[in-house]
Protein backbone atom coordinates (compact mmCIF):
# COMPACT_ATOMS: atom_id res chain seq x y z
CA MET A 1 -20.82 12.34 -35.62
CA GLN A 2 -21.30 15.33 -33.41
CA THR A 3 -18.71 18.05 -33.24
CA ALA A 4 -17.84 19.77 -30.01
CA ILE A 5 -18.70 23.45 -29.66
CA ILE A 6 -15.41 24.07 -27.87
CA LYS A 7 -12.61 21.96 -29.30
CA PRO A 8 -9.94 20.56 -26.95
CA GLN A 9 -7.09 22.76 -28.10
CA PHE A 10 -5.36 25.91 -26.97
CA SER A 11 -7.38 28.68 -28.57
CA PRO A 12 -8.30 32.14 -27.32
CA ILE A 13 -11.74 30.91 -26.24
CA THR A 14 -10.48 27.89 -24.28
CA ILE A 15 -7.72 29.93 -22.64
CA ALA A 16 -10.23 32.61 -21.63
CA LEU A 17 -12.60 29.95 -20.23
CA MET A 18 -9.74 28.34 -18.33
CA VAL A 19 -8.64 31.65 -16.80
CA LEU A 20 -12.24 32.52 -15.94
CA GLY A 21 -12.66 29.07 -14.40
CA PHE A 22 -9.58 29.59 -12.23
CA ILE A 23 -10.90 32.98 -11.13
CA VAL A 24 -14.37 31.71 -10.24
CA PHE A 25 -13.43 28.37 -8.67
CA TRP A 26 -10.03 26.74 -9.23
CA PRO A 27 -11.32 23.16 -9.86
CA ILE A 28 -13.33 24.45 -12.82
CA GLY A 29 -10.19 25.95 -14.33
CA LEU A 30 -8.34 22.69 -13.69
CA ALA A 31 -11.11 20.70 -15.37
CA ILE A 32 -10.98 22.97 -18.43
CA LEU A 33 -7.20 22.59 -18.57
CA GLY A 34 -7.59 18.80 -18.41
CA TYR A 35 -10.13 18.96 -21.22
CA ILE A 36 -7.77 21.07 -23.34
CA ILE A 37 -4.85 18.69 -22.80
CA TRP A 38 -6.57 15.27 -22.84
CA GLY A 39 -9.90 15.96 -24.54
CA GLU A 40 -8.63 14.87 -27.93
CA LYS A 41 -7.89 11.36 -26.64
CA PHE A 42 -11.51 10.87 -25.66
CA GLY A 43 -12.66 12.09 -29.07
CA GLY A 44 -15.96 13.31 -27.76
CA SER A 45 -17.56 9.85 -27.58
CA ALA A 46 -18.30 7.76 -24.52
CA GLU A 47 -16.95 4.61 -26.18
CA LYS A 48 -13.53 6.16 -26.84
CA ALA A 49 -13.37 7.55 -23.32
CA GLN A 50 -14.26 4.17 -21.81
CA SER A 51 -11.73 2.30 -23.96
CA TYR A 52 -9.04 4.83 -23.01
CA TRP A 53 -9.96 4.37 -19.34
CA HIS A 54 -9.80 0.56 -19.53
CA LYS A 55 -6.51 0.68 -21.40
CA GLY A 56 -4.94 2.83 -18.67
CA LYS A 57 -6.46 0.69 -15.94
CA SER A 58 -5.09 -2.52 -17.44
CA TRP A 59 -1.65 -0.95 -17.79
CA CYS A 60 -1.68 0.09 -14.12
CA THR A 61 -2.75 -3.33 -12.87
CA SER A 62 -0.24 -5.23 -15.01
CA ASN A 63 2.69 -2.98 -14.04
CA GLY A 64 1.64 -2.42 -10.42
CA ALA A 65 2.33 -6.02 -9.43
CA HIS A 66 5.96 -5.77 -10.59
CA ARG A 67 6.56 -2.41 -8.90
CA HIS A 68 5.29 -3.54 -5.53
CA GLY A 69 7.17 -6.81 -5.40
CA HIS A 70 4.24 -9.12 -6.13
CA ARG A 71 5.46 -11.84 -8.37
CA HIS A 72 3.06 -13.93 -10.31
CA ASN A 73 3.63 -16.17 -13.25
CA ARG A 74 1.90 -14.51 -16.19
CA TYR A 75 2.85 -17.39 -18.49
CA ALA A 76 1.27 -20.11 -16.36
CA SER A 77 -2.23 -19.73 -17.80
CA THR A 78 -1.14 -19.73 -21.44
CA SER A 79 -0.58 -22.93 -23.31
CA SER A 80 1.46 -23.48 -26.45
CA GLY A 81 -0.62 -26.44 -27.54
CA ASN A 82 2.32 -28.83 -27.19
CA ALA A 83 2.29 -30.78 -23.91
CA ALA A 84 6.01 -31.61 -24.01
CA PHE A 85 6.95 -27.96 -24.50
CA ASP A 86 4.54 -26.86 -21.75
CA ASP A 87 6.14 -29.35 -19.35
CA TYR A 88 9.61 -28.15 -20.30
CA ARG A 89 8.58 -24.51 -19.84
CA SER A 90 6.95 -25.15 -16.45
CA GLU A 91 10.08 -27.02 -15.29
CA GLN A 92 12.35 -24.18 -16.39
CA LEU A 93 10.12 -21.58 -14.72
CA ARG A 94 10.12 -23.63 -11.50
CA ARG A 95 13.92 -23.85 -11.65
CA LEU A 96 14.18 -20.09 -12.19
CA GLU A 97 11.88 -19.43 -9.23
CA GLU A 98 14.06 -21.68 -7.04
CA GLU A 99 17.16 -19.81 -8.21
CA ARG A 100 15.46 -16.48 -7.49
CA ALA A 101 14.52 -17.68 -4.00
CA ARG A 102 18.12 -18.81 -3.40
CA LEU A 103 19.46 -15.44 -4.55
CA ASP A 104 16.95 -13.60 -2.35
CA GLU A 105 18.13 -15.69 0.60
CA GLU A 106 21.76 -14.86 -0.20
CA ILE A 107 20.90 -11.17 -0.37
CA ASN A 108 19.25 -11.36 3.05
CA GLU A 109 22.29 -13.19 4.48
CA PHE A 110 24.62 -10.56 3.01
CA HIS A 111 22.55 -7.74 4.51
CA GLU A 112 22.66 -9.50 7.87
CA TYR A 113 26.44 -9.94 7.55
CA MET A 114 26.90 -6.25 6.71
CA THR A 115 24.69 -5.24 9.65
CA ASN A 116 26.79 -7.36 12.02
CA LEU A 117 30.00 -6.00 10.49
CA ASN A 118 28.83 -2.42 10.96
CA LYS A 119 27.82 -3.16 14.55
CA ALA A 120 31.26 -4.64 15.27
CA LYS A 121 32.95 -1.64 13.67
CA ASP A 122 30.80 0.75 15.70
CA ARG A 123 31.57 -1.20 18.89
CA GLU A 124 35.30 -1.07 18.15
CA GLU A 125 35.21 2.70 17.53
CA PHE A 126 33.18 3.25 20.71
CA ASP A 127 35.58 1.13 22.79
CA ARG A 128 38.55 3.04 21.35
CA PHE A 129 36.86 6.35 22.20
CA MET A 130 36.10 5.22 25.76
CA ASN A 131 39.69 3.97 26.27
CA GLU A 132 41.11 7.28 25.06
CA ARG A 133 38.70 9.17 27.25
CA ARG A 134 39.53 7.07 30.32
CA GLY A 135 43.25 7.49 29.65
CA SER A 136 43.00 11.27 29.52
CA ARG A 137 40.90 11.39 32.70
CA GLN A 138 43.22 9.19 34.79
CA GLY A 139 46.22 11.52 34.56
CA TYR A 140 44.41 14.81 35.07
CA THR A 141 46.92 16.29 37.56
CA ASP A 142 50.30 17.57 36.45
CA GLU A 143 51.83 17.74 39.94
CA PRO A 144 54.48 15.21 40.83
CA ASN A 145 53.47 12.98 43.69
CA ASP A 146 56.85 12.70 45.51
CA GLY A 147 56.01 14.40 48.79
CA ASP A 148 56.77 17.88 47.47
CA ASN A 149 53.51 19.78 47.48
CA GLY A 150 54.86 23.00 46.05
CA ASN A 151 56.12 24.58 49.29
CA GLY A 152 59.81 24.38 48.54
CA GLY A 153 60.22 20.93 49.98
CA THR A 154 58.50 21.63 53.31
CA ASN A 155 55.61 19.41 54.17
CA ASN A 156 53.22 21.11 56.57
CA ASP A 157 50.53 18.41 56.16
CA ASP A 158 47.97 20.65 54.49
CA SER A 159 45.12 18.23 53.81
CA ASN A 160 43.10 20.90 51.98
CA HIS A 161 45.99 21.70 49.64
CA GLY A 162 45.74 25.39 50.41
CA TRP A 163 41.96 25.62 50.05
CA GLY A 164 40.19 26.97 53.10
CA GLN A 165 41.13 26.62 56.71
CA ASP A 166 42.07 23.56 58.60
CA ASN A 167 40.09 23.54 61.83
CA ARG A 168 41.87 20.85 63.80
């Protein structure tokens, strides 16, 4: 087995190379840092590096389907060797999928109900605001409307209410 000249560990030489790599061109420094941190996992051989790569790739593909909402039956392709048990298992899995579909439908109905409820609440608040606003705008004058226009009871028929001249 060959030994690496520069071992993947934090030593004065690797730190100096990393700093020098960052000074010269930052991706070189980043590559040296990656080698220091993850170089031991590869072990210096192409076979170990490839097995590590495939292991990570298989983990990503198996977990990615569950994270992104893709549901597939990972037990469907495996067989126990007993036909009766396989039939029982497939029936139970089908029943569980139906139950999951029913629950998903109920969730969607509940979200729709809540959306409609929020819309109704918003409409009610908006109508209340508009009614209050209309009520405050309708009674905007404080003067009594009994024929007394503020002239001590005399009505001189001032159609401009004291604003400007009346050119009749």
